[in-house]
């Protein structure tokens, strides 16, 4: 199965946070393992890296950021 690339809107919906909160937390999310890809000048996010970040935080009992 091909890797899903998510837009910032997809990511904010997945995390159930506002657009402005996503952009405030973006650097911390990337530092914690969220991976990005540039496609035609726009940034996309690897869905599997977001899922792995969520699972890791849940298993360790730590907040996402």
N, C-alpha and C. Protein backbone atom coordinates (compact mmCIF):
# COMPACT_ATOMS: atom_id res chain seq x y z
N UNK A 1 0.84 -1.18 0.00
CA UNK A 1 0.00 0.00 0.00
C UNK A 1 0.89 1.25 0.00
N UNK A 2 0.52 2.23 -0.75
CA UNK A 2 1.30 3.46 -0.85
C UNK A 2 1.14 4.32 0.40
N UNK A 3 2.18 5.03 0.70
CA UNK A 3 2.18 5.94 1.85
C UNK A 3 1.21 7.09 1.59
N UNK A 4 0.38 7.40 2.57
CA UNK A 4 -0.55 8.52 2.46
C UNK A 4 0.16 9.81 2.85
N UNK A 5 -0.02 10.83 2.02
CA UNK A 5 0.50 12.15 2.32
C UNK A 5 -0.67 13.04 2.72
N UNK A 6 -0.56 13.67 3.86
CA UNK A 6 -1.63 14.50 4.39
C UNK A 6 -1.31 15.98 4.27
N UNK A 7 -2.33 16.76 4.04
CA UNK A 7 -2.20 18.22 4.03
C UNK A 7 -2.27 18.71 5.48
N UNK A 8 -1.90 19.97 5.73
CA UNK A 8 -2.06 20.50 7.08
C UNK A 8 -3.50 20.39 7.59
N UNK A 9 -4.48 20.57 6.71
CA UNK A 9 -5.88 20.43 7.11
C UNK A 9 -6.19 19.00 7.53
N UNK A 10 -5.66 18.03 6.79
CA UNK A 10 -5.86 16.62 7.16
C UNK A 10 -5.26 16.32 8.53
N UNK A 11 -4.06 16.85 8.77
CA UNK A 11 -3.38 16.60 10.05
C UNK A 11 -4.15 17.24 11.20
N UNK A 12 -4.56 18.49 11.03
CA UNK A 12 -5.29 19.16 12.12
C UNK A 12 -6.60 18.44 12.41
N UNK A 13 -7.26 17.92 11.37
CA UNK A 13 -8.49 17.15 11.58
C UNK A 13 -8.20 15.83 12.30
N UNK A 14 -7.11 15.18 11.91
CA UNK A 14 -6.73 13.92 12.54
C UNK A 14 -6.43 14.11 14.03
N UNK A 15 -5.74 15.22 14.35
CA UNK A 15 -5.38 15.50 15.74
C UNK A 15 -6.48 16.24 16.49
N UNK A 16 -7.51 16.66 15.76
CA UNK A 16 -8.64 17.41 16.32
C UNK A 16 -8.19 18.68 17.04
N UNK A 17 -7.40 19.45 16.32
CA UNK A 17 -6.94 20.74 16.83
C UNK A 17 -7.22 21.81 15.78
N UNK A 18 -7.16 23.06 16.19
CA UNK A 18 -7.41 24.15 15.26
C UNK A 18 -6.21 24.35 14.32
N UNK A 19 -6.44 25.07 13.25
CA UNK A 19 -5.39 25.36 12.28
C UNK A 19 -4.26 26.15 12.93
N UNK A 20 -4.61 27.16 13.72
CA UNK A 20 -3.57 27.97 14.35
C UNK A 20 -2.77 27.16 15.37
N UNK A 21 -3.45 26.27 16.09
CA UNK A 21 -2.73 25.43 17.06
C UNK A 21 -1.79 24.47 16.32
N UNK A 22 -2.22 23.95 15.18
CA UNK A 22 -1.35 23.06 14.41
C UNK A 22 -0.06 23.79 14.04
N UNK A 23 -0.17 25.01 13.54
CA UNK A 23 1.03 25.74 13.12
C UNK A 23 1.90 26.15 14.31
N UNK A 24 1.29 26.37 15.47
CA UNK A 24 2.10 26.65 16.67
C UNK A 24 2.87 25.40 17.12
N UNK A 25 2.25 24.24 16.97
CA UNK A 25 2.86 22.99 17.45
C UNK A 25 3.69 22.28 16.39
N UNK A 26 3.63 22.73 15.15
CA UNK A 26 4.26 22.05 14.03
C UNK A 26 5.74 21.69 14.28
N UNK A 27 6.52 22.64 14.74
CA UNK A 27 7.95 22.38 14.97
C UNK A 27 8.15 21.30 16.03
N UNK A 28 7.35 21.33 17.08
CA UNK A 28 7.47 20.31 18.13
C UNK A 28 7.05 18.94 17.61
N UNK A 29 6.01 18.90 16.79
CA UNK A 29 5.57 17.63 16.22
C UNK A 29 6.65 17.04 15.31
N UNK A 30 7.28 17.89 14.52
CA UNK A 30 8.37 17.43 13.65
C UNK A 30 9.55 16.95 14.50
N UNK A 31 9.87 17.67 15.55
CA UNK A 31 10.97 17.27 16.44
C UNK A 31 10.68 15.93 17.11
N UNK A 32 9.41 15.63 17.32
CA UNK A 32 9.02 14.38 17.97
C UNK A 32 8.80 13.23 17.00
N UNK A 33 8.96 13.48 15.68
CA UNK A 33 8.90 12.37 14.73
C UNK A 33 7.95 12.52 13.56
N UNK A 34 7.18 13.59 13.50
CA UNK A 34 6.31 13.77 12.34
C UNK A 34 7.18 14.11 11.13
N UNK A 35 7.04 13.34 10.06
CA UNK A 35 7.90 13.51 8.89
C UNK A 35 7.17 14.31 7.80
N UNK A 36 7.95 15.14 7.10
CA UNK A 36 7.40 15.98 6.04
C UNK A 36 8.01 15.63 4.70
N UNK A 37 7.27 15.98 3.64
CA UNK A 37 7.72 15.81 2.27
C UNK A 37 7.27 17.05 1.52
N UNK A 38 8.16 17.61 0.70
CA UNK A 38 7.78 18.74 -0.13
C UNK A 38 7.32 18.23 -1.48
N UNK A 39 6.12 18.64 -1.89
CA UNK A 39 5.55 18.25 -3.17
C UNK A 39 5.12 19.52 -3.90
N UNK A 40 5.79 19.82 -4.99
CA UNK A 40 5.48 21.02 -5.79
C UNK A 40 5.41 22.28 -4.93
N UNK A 41 6.32 22.42 -4.00
CA UNK A 41 6.39 23.63 -3.19
C UNK A 41 5.50 23.63 -1.96
N UNK A 42 4.64 22.64 -1.79
CA UNK A 42 3.81 22.58 -0.59
C UNK A 42 4.27 21.43 0.30
N UNK A 43 4.10 21.59 1.58
CA UNK A 43 4.54 20.58 2.54
C UNK A 43 3.40 19.60 2.81
N UNK A 44 3.72 18.33 2.74
CA UNK A 44 2.79 17.25 3.07
C UNK A 44 3.39 16.46 4.23
N UNK A 45 2.56 15.74 4.95
CA UNK A 45 2.98 15.01 6.14
C UNK A 45 2.69 13.53 5.97
N UNK A 46 3.66 12.69 6.33
CA UNK A 46 3.48 11.24 6.21
C UNK A 46 2.52 10.75 7.29
N UNK A 47 1.43 10.15 6.86
CA UNK A 47 0.41 9.70 7.80
C UNK A 47 0.97 8.67 8.79
N UNK A 48 1.80 7.77 8.31
CA UNK A 48 2.34 6.73 9.20
C UNK A 48 3.19 7.35 10.31
N UNK A 49 3.90 8.43 10.02
CA UNK A 49 4.73 9.05 11.06
C UNK A 49 3.85 9.70 12.14
N UNK A 50 2.70 10.22 11.75
CA UNK A 50 1.77 10.80 12.72
C UNK A 50 1.15 9.69 13.57
N UNK A 51 0.74 8.60 12.91
CA UNK A 51 0.18 7.46 13.65
C UNK A 51 1.20 6.90 14.63
N UNK A 52 2.45 6.76 14.21
CA UNK A 52 3.50 6.23 15.09
C UNK A 52 3.75 7.17 16.27
N UNK A 53 3.72 8.47 16.03
CA UNK A 53 3.90 9.45 17.10
C UNK A 53 2.78 9.33 18.12
N UNK A 54 1.55 9.21 17.66
CA UNK A 54 0.40 9.07 18.56
C UNK A 54 0.52 7.79 19.38
N UNK A 55 0.83 6.68 18.72
CA UNK A 55 0.95 5.40 19.43
C UNK A 55 2.08 5.42 20.44
N UNK A 56 3.23 6.00 20.07
CA UNK A 56 4.36 6.08 20.99
C UNK A 56 4.01 6.90 22.23
N UNK A 57 3.38 8.03 22.03
CA UNK A 57 3.00 8.87 23.16
C UNK A 57 1.98 8.17 24.05
N UNK A 58 1.04 7.48 23.44
CA UNK A 58 0.02 6.76 24.21
C UNK A 58 0.65 5.63 25.03
N UNK A 59 1.57 4.88 24.44
CA UNK A 59 2.18 3.76 25.15
C UNK A 59 3.11 4.22 26.27
N UNK A 60 3.72 5.40 26.08
CA UNK A 60 4.61 5.94 27.11
C UNK A 60 3.87 6.79 28.12
N UNK A 61 2.60 7.07 27.86
CA UNK A 61 1.82 7.89 28.77
C UNK A 61 2.24 9.34 28.78
N UNK A 62 2.79 9.81 27.65
CA UNK A 62 3.26 11.18 27.55
C UNK A 62 2.35 12.00 26.65
N UNK A 63 2.31 13.31 26.83
CA UNK A 63 1.53 14.13 25.92
C UNK A 63 2.15 14.15 24.52
N UNK A 64 1.35 14.46 23.52
CA UNK A 64 1.82 14.47 22.13
C UNK A 64 2.93 15.47 21.92
N UNK A 65 2.85 16.62 22.52
CA UNK A 65 3.91 17.65 22.43
C UNK A 65 4.19 18.23 23.79
